[in-house]
Amino acid sequence: MVVMGRVTVPFGVKGWIKIYALTAQTGNLRRYPVWWLGHDGDWREMRVAAAKVHGNTLVAQLAGVEDREAAIALKGWEVAVPRSQLPGAADGEFYWADLIGLRVVNMEQHEFGRVARVLQTGANDVLVVAGGNGNERETLIPFIASAIRQVDLAAGVISVDWGKDY
């Protein structure tokens, strides 16, 4: 499963939910007629009855979620689709899910650790890297051309132009 968003709050009284989309464009999630909702790896398949962009979020009604109480129960759940349903990424583009777990090494071969998650900041995405060389602190590295030298999915490594003391 590739997480594409998160249920934030109910929307209205008829079971609609508000989704914080993790897609390049908020409305992209509407392309999929079935979403998988879950938390802690426990996924449940749900058919999308309706979905529309509302400001900078997405609102949706799922089959079987017919009132506000049922919508409240989904708050905080992740919204995902199977990886097999996603289009291939273009050259130089990556799904966040593909970056999670990759080792991050700088030009001097200092290992920062592994990508724990990716933050969406508005200006650019940021890699949150944890666990390198016995270091417990997280390192934040912007996912921009001047900092990211190479992403090698096959080798499981991201090469960065980033000082170990930044």
N, C-alpha and C. Protein backbone atom coordinates (compact mmCIF):
# COMPACT_ATOMS: atom_id res chain seq x y z
N MET A 1 0.83 -1.19 0.00
CA MET A 1 0.00 0.00 0.00
C MET A 1 0.87 1.25 0.00
N VAL A 2 0.44 2.24 -0.74
CA VAL A 2 1.11 3.52 -0.75
C VAL A 2 0.15 4.54 -0.14
N VAL A 3 0.57 5.13 0.96
CA VAL A 3 -0.27 6.10 1.66
C VAL A 3 -0.35 7.36 0.81
N MET A 4 -1.59 7.79 0.54
CA MET A 4 -1.83 8.94 -0.32
C MET A 4 -2.48 10.10 0.44
N GLY A 5 -2.87 9.86 1.69
CA GLY A 5 -3.52 10.91 2.47
C GLY A 5 -3.89 10.41 3.85
N ARG A 6 -4.57 11.30 4.58
CA ARG A 6 -4.97 10.98 5.95
C ARG A 6 -6.32 11.64 6.22
N VAL A 7 -7.21 10.92 6.87
CA VAL A 7 -8.51 11.47 7.25
C VAL A 7 -8.28 12.43 8.41
N THR A 8 -8.74 13.67 8.25
CA THR A 8 -8.51 14.67 9.31
C THR A 8 -9.73 14.86 10.20
N VAL A 9 -10.88 15.14 9.61
CA VAL A 9 -12.09 15.42 10.39
C VAL A 9 -13.32 15.04 9.57
N PRO A 10 -14.47 14.91 10.24
CA PRO A 10 -15.72 14.74 9.48
C PRO A 10 -16.03 16.03 8.73
N PHE A 11 -16.81 15.93 7.68
CA PHE A 11 -17.21 17.10 6.91
C PHE A 11 -18.72 17.05 6.78
N GLY A 12 -19.40 17.83 7.57
CA GLY A 12 -20.87 17.82 7.57
C GLY A 12 -21.44 16.72 8.43
N VAL A 13 -22.73 16.44 8.23
CA VAL A 13 -23.42 15.46 9.09
C VAL A 13 -23.83 14.18 8.35
N LYS A 14 -23.51 14.09 7.06
CA LYS A 14 -23.96 12.95 6.27
C LYS A 14 -22.87 11.93 5.98
N GLY A 15 -21.82 11.90 6.80
CA GLY A 15 -20.79 10.89 6.67
C GLY A 15 -19.60 11.26 5.81
N TRP A 16 -19.56 12.47 5.29
CA TRP A 16 -18.41 12.90 4.50
C TRP A 16 -17.21 13.08 5.42
N ILE A 17 -16.01 12.88 4.84
CA ILE A 17 -14.77 13.06 5.59
C ILE A 17 -13.86 14.03 4.84
N LYS A 18 -12.98 14.68 5.57
CA LYS A 18 -12.01 15.58 4.97
C LYS A 18 -10.67 14.84 4.96
N ILE A 19 -9.99 14.91 3.80
CA ILE A 19 -8.73 14.19 3.59
C ILE A 19 -7.60 15.19 3.40
N TYR A 20 -6.52 15.02 4.12
CA TYR A 20 -5.29 15.76 3.85
C TYR A 20 -4.52 14.91 2.86
N ALA A 21 -4.48 15.36 1.61
CA ALA A 21 -3.85 14.58 0.54
C ALA A 21 -2.33 14.75 0.53
N LEU A 22 -1.63 13.66 0.31
CA LEU A 22 -0.17 13.67 0.20
C LEU A 22 0.25 13.51 -1.26
N THR A 23 -0.65 13.87 -2.16
CA THR A 23 -0.39 13.75 -3.59
C THR A 23 0.12 15.09 -4.12
N ALA A 24 0.71 15.05 -5.32
CA ALA A 24 1.24 16.27 -5.92
C ALA A 24 0.14 17.32 -6.09
N GLN A 25 -1.04 16.88 -6.47
CA GLN A 25 -2.20 17.77 -6.56
C GLN A 25 -3.31 17.16 -5.73
N THR A 26 -4.00 18.00 -4.99
CA THR A 26 -5.01 17.54 -4.04
C THR A 26 -6.03 16.59 -4.67
N GLY A 27 -6.46 16.86 -5.88
CA GLY A 27 -7.50 16.06 -6.50
C GLY A 27 -7.07 14.73 -7.07
N ASN A 28 -5.77 14.44 -7.10
CA ASN A 28 -5.28 13.20 -7.71
C ASN A 28 -5.88 11.94 -7.11
N LEU A 29 -6.19 11.97 -5.85
CA LEU A 29 -6.74 10.78 -5.18
C LEU A 29 -8.12 10.40 -5.72
N ARG A 30 -8.81 11.36 -6.35
CA ARG A 30 -10.13 11.08 -6.92
C ARG A 30 -10.07 10.10 -8.08
N ARG A 31 -8.90 9.87 -8.64
CA ARG A 31 -8.75 8.94 -9.77
C ARG A 31 -9.04 7.49 -9.40
N TYR A 32 -9.02 7.19 -8.11
CA TYR A 32 -9.14 5.81 -7.66
C TYR A 32 -10.53 5.57 -7.07
N PRO A 33 -11.31 4.64 -7.64
CA PRO A 33 -12.67 4.39 -7.16
C PRO A 33 -12.72 3.63 -5.84
N VAL A 34 -11.60 3.00 -5.48
CA VAL A 34 -11.52 2.25 -4.22
C VAL A 34 -10.28 2.72 -3.47
N TRP A 35 -10.48 3.04 -2.20
CA TRP A 35 -9.37 3.41 -1.33
C TRP A 35 -9.25 2.34 -0.26
N TRP A 36 -8.08 2.26 0.32
CA TRP A 36 -7.85 1.39 1.45
C TRP A 36 -7.61 2.30 2.65
N LEU A 37 -8.41 2.16 3.68
CA LEU A 37 -8.25 2.96 4.89
C LEU A 37 -7.75 2.07 6.00
N GLY A 38 -6.86 2.63 6.82
CA GLY A 38 -6.36 1.84 7.93
C GLY A 38 -5.38 2.59 8.78
N HIS A 39 -4.88 1.87 9.75
CA HIS A 39 -3.84 2.38 10.65
C HIS A 39 -3.07 1.18 11.18
N ASP A 40 -1.81 1.39 11.46
CA ASP A 40 -0.93 0.33 11.97
C ASP A 40 -0.91 -0.89 11.06
N GLY A 41 -0.99 -0.68 9.74
CA GLY A 41 -0.90 -1.79 8.80
C GLY A 41 -2.16 -2.61 8.63
N ASP A 42 -3.23 -2.25 9.32
CA ASP A 42 -4.50 -2.97 9.22
C ASP A 42 -5.39 -2.21 8.22
N TRP A 43 -5.50 -2.71 6.98
CA TRP A 43 -6.19 -2.01 5.91
C TRP A 43 -7.57 -2.55 5.65
N ARG A 44 -8.48 -1.64 5.29
CA ARG A 44 -9.86 -2.00 4.97
C ARG A 44 -10.23 -1.36 3.64
N GLU A 45 -10.69 -2.16 2.68
CA GLU A 45 -11.07 -1.67 1.37
C GLU A 45 -12.40 -0.93 1.45
N MET A 46 -12.46 0.28 0.85
CA MET A 46 -13.69 1.06 0.88
C MET A 46 -13.92 1.72 -0.48
N ARG A 47 -15.14 1.61 -0.98
CA ARG A 47 -15.50 2.22 -2.26
C ARG A 47 -15.79 3.70 -2.05
N VAL A 48 -15.31 4.53 -2.95
CA VAL A 48 -15.54 5.97 -2.89
C VAL A 48 -16.86 6.27 -3.58
N ALA A 49 -17.84 6.77 -2.83
CA ALA A 49 -19.14 7.12 -3.40
C ALA A 49 -19.06 8.48 -4.11
N ALA A 50 -18.31 9.42 -3.53
CA ALA A 50 -18.14 10.75 -4.12
C ALA A 50 -16.91 11.39 -3.51
N ALA A 51 -16.26 12.25 -4.29
CA ALA A 51 -15.10 12.98 -3.79
C ALA A 51 -14.95 14.27 -4.59
N LYS A 52 -14.56 15.35 -3.89
CA LYS A 52 -14.34 16.62 -4.59
C LYS A 52 -13.31 17.44 -3.83
N VAL A 53 -12.64 18.31 -4.57
CA VAL A 53 -11.67 19.22 -3.97
C VAL A 53 -12.45 20.33 -3.26
N HIS A 54 -12.03 20.61 -2.04
CA HIS A 54 -12.67 21.66 -1.24
C HIS A 54 -11.55 22.52 -0.64
N GLY A 55 -11.25 23.63 -1.30
CA GLY A 55 -10.12 24.45 -0.86
C GLY A 55 -8.83 23.71 -1.13
N ASN A 56 -7.99 23.56 -0.08
CA ASN A 56 -6.73 22.83 -0.26
C ASN A 56 -6.81 21.41 0.29
N THR A 57 -8.03 20.92 0.51
CA THR A 57 -8.22 19.54 0.96
C THR A 57 -9.16 18.82 0.01
N LEU A 58 -9.38 17.57 0.31
CA LEU A 58 -10.31 16.74 -0.45
C LEU A 58 -11.39 16.28 0.50
N VAL A 59 -12.63 16.33 0.05
CA VAL A 59 -13.72 15.78 0.86
C VAL A 59 -14.30 14.60 0.11
N ALA A 60 -14.73 13.59 0.87
CA ALA A 60 -15.21 12.38 0.24
C ALA A 60 -16.28 11.71 1.08
N GLN A 61 -17.12 10.97 0.38
CA GLN A 61 -18.08 10.11 1.06
C GLN A 61 -17.77 8.69 0.62
N LEU A 62 -17.61 7.83 1.61
CA LEU A 62 -17.29 6.43 1.35
C LEU A 62 -18.53 5.58 1.55
N ALA A 63 -18.68 4.55 0.74
CA ALA A 63 -19.82 3.64 0.87
C ALA A 63 -19.83 3.05 2.27
N GLY A 64 -20.99 3.09 2.90
CA GLY A 64 -21.14 2.54 4.25
C GLY A 64 -20.86 3.53 5.37
N VAL A 65 -20.35 4.70 5.05
CA VAL A 65 -20.11 5.75 6.05
C VAL A 65 -21.22 6.78 5.84
N GLU A 66 -22.29 6.65 6.62
CA GLU A 66 -23.50 7.41 6.32
C GLU A 66 -23.84 8.52 7.30
N ASP A 67 -23.08 8.63 8.39
CA ASP A 67 -23.38 9.72 9.32
C ASP A 67 -22.10 10.24 9.96
N ARG A 68 -22.26 11.32 10.70
CA ARG A 68 -21.10 11.99 11.30
C ARG A 68 -20.36 11.06 12.27
N GLU A 69 -21.06 10.25 13.02
CA GLU A 69 -20.42 9.35 13.98
C GLU A 69 -19.51 8.34 13.27
N ALA A 70 -19.99 7.80 12.16
CA ALA A 70 -19.17 6.86 11.39
C ALA A 70 -17.94 7.57 10.81
N ALA A 71 -18.11 8.82 10.40
CA ALA A 71 -16.99 9.60 9.87
C ALA A 71 -15.98 9.91 10.97
N ILE A 72 -16.44 10.22 12.17
CA ILE A 72 -15.54 10.51 13.30
C ILE A 72 -14.66 9.30 13.60
N ALA A 73 -15.22 8.10 13.45
CA ALA A 73 -14.46 6.88 13.74
C ALA A 73 -13.26 6.70 12.80
N LEU A 74 -13.26 7.38 11.65
CA LEU A 74 -12.17 7.25 10.69
C LEU A 74 -11.09 8.31 10.88
N LYS A 75 -11.29 9.25 11.79
CA LYS A 75 -10.33 10.33 12.00
C LYS A 75 -8.94 9.76 12.31
N GLY A 76 -7.94 10.27 11.59
CA GLY A 76 -6.56 9.83 11.79
C GLY A 76 -6.15 8.62 10.96
N TRP A 77 -7.10 7.97 10.30
CA TRP A 77 -6.77 6.81 9.49
C TRP A 77 -6.05 7.25 8.22
N GLU A 78 -5.16 6.42 7.72
CA GLU A 78 -4.46 6.69 6.49
C GLU A 78 -5.29 6.22 5.31
N VAL A 79 -5.13 6.91 4.19
CA VAL A 79 -5.80 6.54 2.94
C VAL A 79 -4.71 6.07 1.98
N ALA A 80 -4.87 4.88 1.44
CA ALA A 80 -3.83 4.30 0.59
C ALA A 80 -4.44 3.64 -0.64
N VAL A 81 -3.59 3.39 -1.61
CA VAL A 81 -3.95 2.59 -2.77
C VAL A 81 -2.82 1.58 -3.00
N PRO A 82 -3.14 0.43 -3.59
CA PRO A 82 -2.09 -0.55 -3.87
C PRO A 82 -1.06 0.02 -4.84
N ARG A 83 0.17 -0.27 -4.63
CA ARG A 83 1.26 0.23 -5.46
C ARG A 83 1.01 -0.13 -6.93
N SER A 84 0.44 -1.30 -7.18
CA SER A 84 0.23 -1.76 -8.56
C SER A 84 -0.73 -0.87 -9.34
N GLN A 85 -1.54 -0.06 -8.67
CA GLN A 85 -2.49 0.82 -9.34
C GLN A 85 -1.90 2.19 -9.69
N LEU A 86 -0.73 2.49 -9.18
CA LEU A 86 -0.14 3.80 -9.41
C LEU A 86 0.61 3.83 -10.74
N PRO A 87 0.57 4.98 -11.42
CA PRO A 87 1.37 5.08 -12.65
C PRO A 87 2.86 5.11 -12.30
N GLY A 88 3.69 4.75 -13.23
CA GLY A 88 5.13 4.79 -13.00
C GLY A 88 5.58 6.24 -12.81
N ALA A 89 6.59 6.43 -12.00
CA ALA A 89 7.13 7.77 -11.77
C ALA A 89 7.99 8.17 -12.97
N ALA A 90 7.95 9.44 -13.31
CA ALA A 90 8.77 9.97 -14.40
C ALA A 90 10.24 10.00 -13.96
N ASP A 91 11.15 10.16 -14.90
CA ASP A 91 12.56 10.27 -14.57
C ASP A 91 12.78 11.42 -13.59
N GLY A 92 13.52 11.16 -12.54
CA GLY A 92 13.81 12.18 -11.54
C GLY A 92 12.69 12.41 -10.54
N GLU A 93 11.61 11.66 -10.65
CA GLU A 93 10.50 11.74 -9.68
C GLU A 93 10.42 10.43 -8.93
N PHE A 94 9.98 10.52 -7.68
CA PHE A 94 9.91 9.34 -6.83
C PHE A 94 8.66 9.39 -5.96
N TYR A 95 8.10 8.24 -5.71
CA TYR A 95 7.05 8.16 -4.71
C TYR A 95 7.72 8.19 -3.35
N TRP A 96 7.12 8.91 -2.41
CA TRP A 96 7.68 8.98 -1.07
C TRP A 96 7.90 7.59 -0.51
N ALA A 97 6.94 6.71 -0.75
CA ALA A 97 7.04 5.34 -0.22
C ALA A 97 8.32 4.65 -0.68
N ASP A 98 8.82 5.00 -1.87
CA ASP A 98 10.05 4.40 -2.38
C ASP A 98 11.29 4.95 -1.67
N LEU A 99 11.19 6.14 -1.10
CA LEU A 99 12.33 6.75 -0.42
C LEU A 99 12.48 6.28 1.02
N ILE A 100 11.36 5.90 1.65
CA ILE A 100 11.40 5.47 3.05
C ILE A 100 12.29 4.23 3.17
N GLY A 101 13.22 4.30 4.11
CA GLY A 101 14.11 3.18 4.37
C GLY A 101 15.44 3.22 3.62
N LEU A 102 15.56 4.12 2.63
CA LEU A 102 16.83 4.21 1.91
C LEU A 102 17.91 4.82 2.80
N ARG A 103 19.15 4.32 2.64
CA ARG A 103 20.29 4.90 3.35
C ARG A 103 20.62 6.25 2.73
N VAL A 104 21.09 7.19 3.56
CA VAL A 104 21.47 8.52 3.07
C VAL A 104 22.94 8.74 3.41
N VAL A 105 23.75 8.99 2.36
CA VAL A 105 25.20 9.12 2.50
C VAL A 105 25.63 10.39 1.79
N ASN A 106 26.55 11.16 2.44
CA ASN A 106 27.02 12.39 1.78
C ASN A 106 28.26 12.11 0.93
N MET A 107 28.79 13.15 0.32
CA MET A 107 29.92 13.04 -0.60
C MET A 107 31.19 12.55 0.09
N GLU A 108 31.29 12.75 1.41
CA GLU A 108 32.46 12.27 2.19
C GLU A 108 32.21 10.89 2.78
N GLN A 109 31.14 10.23 2.35
CA GLN A 109 30.75 8.90 2.79
C GLN A 109 30.28 8.85 4.25
N HIS A 110 29.88 9.99 4.79
CA HIS A 110 29.25 10.00 6.11
C HIS A 110 27.82 9.49 5.95
N GLU A 111 27.47 8.48 6.73
CA GLU A 111 26.12 7.94 6.66
C GLU A 111 25.23 8.61 7.70
N PHE A 112 24.18 9.26 7.22
CA PHE A 112 23.24 9.96 8.10
C PHE A 112 22.22 9.01 8.72
N GLY A 113 21.98 7.90 8.09
CA GLY A 113 20.98 6.95 8.55
C GLY A 113 20.05 6.60 7.40
N ARG A 114 18.81 6.34 7.74
CA ARG A 114 17.81 5.96 6.74
C ARG A 114 16.66 6.95 6.76
N VAL A 115 16.03 7.10 5.61
CA VAL A 115 14.88 7.99 5.52
C VAL A 115 13.75 7.39 6.35
N ALA A 116 13.32 8.14 7.35
CA ALA A 116 12.24 7.69 8.23
C ALA A 116 10.87 8.15 7.71
N ARG A 117 10.86 9.35 7.14
CA ARG A 117 9.62 9.91 6.59
C ARG A 117 9.98 11.11 5.72
N VAL A 118 8.98 11.62 5.03
CA VAL A 118 9.18 12.80 4.19
C VAL A 118 8.15 13.83 4.62
N LEU A 119 8.62 15.05 4.84
CA LEU A 119 7.75 16.15 5.23
C LEU A 119 7.41 16.99 4.01
N GLN A 120 6.17 17.42 3.95
CA GLN A 120 5.73 18.32 2.90
C GLN A 120 5.68 19.71 3.51
N THR A 121 6.54 20.62 3.05
CA THR A 121 6.63 21.94 3.69
C THR A 121 5.97 23.05 2.88
N GLY A 122 5.60 22.77 1.66
CA GLY A 122 5.05 23.80 0.80
C GLY A 122 6.09 24.29 -0.18
N ALA A 123 7.25 24.69 0.32
CA ALA A 123 8.32 25.15 -0.57
C ALA A 123 9.00 23.97 -1.25
N ASN A 124 9.30 22.94 -0.49
CA ASN A 124 9.91 21.72 -1.01
C ASN A 124 9.72 20.60 0.00
N ASP A 125 9.87 19.38 -0.45
CA ASP A 125 9.80 18.25 0.46
C ASP A 125 11.10 18.15 1.23
N VAL A 126 11.03 17.54 2.42
CA VAL A 126 12.20 17.41 3.29
C VAL A 126 12.30 15.96 3.75
N LEU A 127 13.49 15.37 3.57
CA LEU A 127 13.74 14.02 4.07
C LEU A 127 14.05 14.10 5.56
N VAL A 128 13.41 13.25 6.35
CA VAL A 128 13.73 13.11 7.77
C VAL A 128 14.53 11.82 7.88
N VAL A 129 15.81 11.98 8.22
CA VAL A 129 16.74 10.85 8.23
C VAL A 129 17.13 10.56 9.68
N ALA A 130 17.07 9.29 10.06
CA ALA A 130 17.35 8.91 11.45
C ALA A 130 18.25 7.70 11.52
N GLY A 131 19.06 7.66 12.61
CA GLY A 131 19.78 6.46 12.96
C GLY A 131 21.15 6.23 12.36
N GLY A 132 21.81 7.23 11.86
CA GLY A 132 23.12 7.03 11.25
C GLY A 132 24.27 7.10 12.22
N ASN A 133 25.26 6.23 12.07
CA ASN A 133 26.49 6.22 12.88
C ASN A 133 26.23 6.32 14.37
N GLY A 134 25.22 5.62 14.83
CA GLY A 134 24.90 5.62 16.26
C GLY A 134 24.29 6.92 16.75
N ASN A 135 23.96 7.81 15.84
CA ASN A 135 23.39 9.10 16.21
C ASN A 135 21.88 8.97 16.38
N GLU A 136 21.37 9.42 17.49
CA GLU A 136 19.94 9.32 17.77
C GLU A 136 19.15 10.49 17.19
N ARG A 137 19.82 11.60 16.86
CA ARG A 137 19.07 12.76 16.39
C ARG A 137 18.69 12.59 14.92
N GLU A 138 17.63 13.27 14.53
CA GLU A 138 17.20 13.25 13.14
C GLU A 138 17.91 14.34 12.36
N THR A 139 18.16 14.08 11.10
CA THR A 139 18.73 15.06 10.20
C THR A 139 17.67 15.40 9.16
N LEU A 140 17.46 16.69 8.94
CA LEU A 140 16.50 17.15 7.94
C LEU A 140 17.27 17.60 6.70
N ILE A 141 16.94 17.01 5.56
CA ILE A 141 17.62 17.33 4.31
C ILE A 141 16.58 17.70 3.27
N PRO A 142 16.65 18.91 2.71
CA PRO A 142 15.66 19.30 1.70
C PRO A 142 15.81 18.43 0.45
N PHE A 143 14.68 18.04 -0.11
CA PHE A 143 14.70 17.22 -1.32
C PHE A 143 14.69 18.16 -2.52
N ILE A 144 15.85 18.79 -2.75
CA ILE A 144 16.03 19.74 -3.84
C ILE A 144 17.31 19.38 -4.60
N ALA A 145 17.40 19.83 -5.84
CA ALA A 145 18.51 19.45 -6.71
C ALA A 145 19.88 19.78 -6.13
N SER A 146 20.01 20.89 -5.41
CA SER A 146 21.32 21.26 -4.88
C SER A 146 21.76 20.38 -3.72
N ALA A 147 20.86 19.67 -3.09
CA ALA A 147 21.20 18.81 -1.95
C ALA A 147 21.20 17.32 -2.32
N ILE A 148 20.33 16.92 -3.21
CA ILE A 148 20.21 15.51 -3.59
C ILE A 148 21.02 15.28 -4.86
N ARG A 149 22.06 14.48 -4.76
CA ARG A 149 22.92 14.20 -5.91
C ARG A 149 22.41 13.02 -6.73
N GLN A 150 21.97 11.97 -6.04
CA GLN A 150 21.50 10.79 -6.76
C GLN A 150 20.60 9.96 -5.85
N VAL A 151 19.54 9.43 -6.43
CA VAL A 151 18.69 8.46 -5.75
C VAL A 151 18.84 7.15 -6.51
N ASP A 152 19.40 6.16 -5.86
CA ASP A 152 19.62 4.85 -6.48
C ASP A 152 18.70 3.85 -5.77
N LEU A 153 17.50 3.68 -6.33
CA LEU A 153 16.53 2.77 -5.70
C LEU A 153 17.05 1.34 -5.67
N ALA A 154 17.72 0.91 -6.73
CA ALA A 154 18.22 -0.48 -6.79
C ALA A 154 19.22 -0.75 -5.68
N ALA A 155 20.11 0.21 -5.42
CA ALA A 155 21.13 0.04 -4.37
C ALA A 155 20.61 0.43 -3.00
N GLY A 156 19.47 1.13 -2.96
CA GLY A 156 18.90 1.53 -1.68
C GLY A 156 19.62 2.70 -1.03
N VAL A 157 20.18 3.62 -1.86
CA VAL A 157 21.00 4.71 -1.33
C VAL A 157 20.62 6.04 -1.97
N ILE A 158 20.58 7.07 -1.14
CA ILE A 158 20.45 8.44 -1.62
C ILE A 158 21.78 9.14 -1.32
N SER A 159 22.42 9.66 -2.36
CA SER A 159 23.67 10.42 -2.19
C SER A 159 23.30 11.90 -2.09
N VAL A 160 23.87 12.56 -1.08
CA VAL A 160 23.54 13.96 -0.85
C VAL A 160 24.77 14.82 -0.75
N ASP A 161 24.62 16.09 -1.09
CA ASP A 161 25.64 17.09 -0.89
C ASP A 161 25.21 17.88 0.34
N TRP A 162 25.53 17.31 1.52
CA TRP A 162 25.03 17.84 2.79
C TRP A 162 26.08 17.57 3.87
N GLY A 163 26.48 18.61 4.57
CA GLY A 163 27.48 18.44 5.61
C GLY A 163 26.93 17.71 6.83
N LYS A 164 27.78 16.95 7.48
CA LYS A 164 27.32 16.18 8.65
C LYS A 164 27.00 17.09 9.83
N ASP A 165 27.46 18.33 9.81
CA ASP A 165 27.21 19.24 10.92
C ASP A 165 26.09 20.23 10.66
N TYR A 166 25.36 20.09 9.55
CA TYR A 166 24.26 21.03 9.25
C TYR A 166 23.13 20.83 10.22
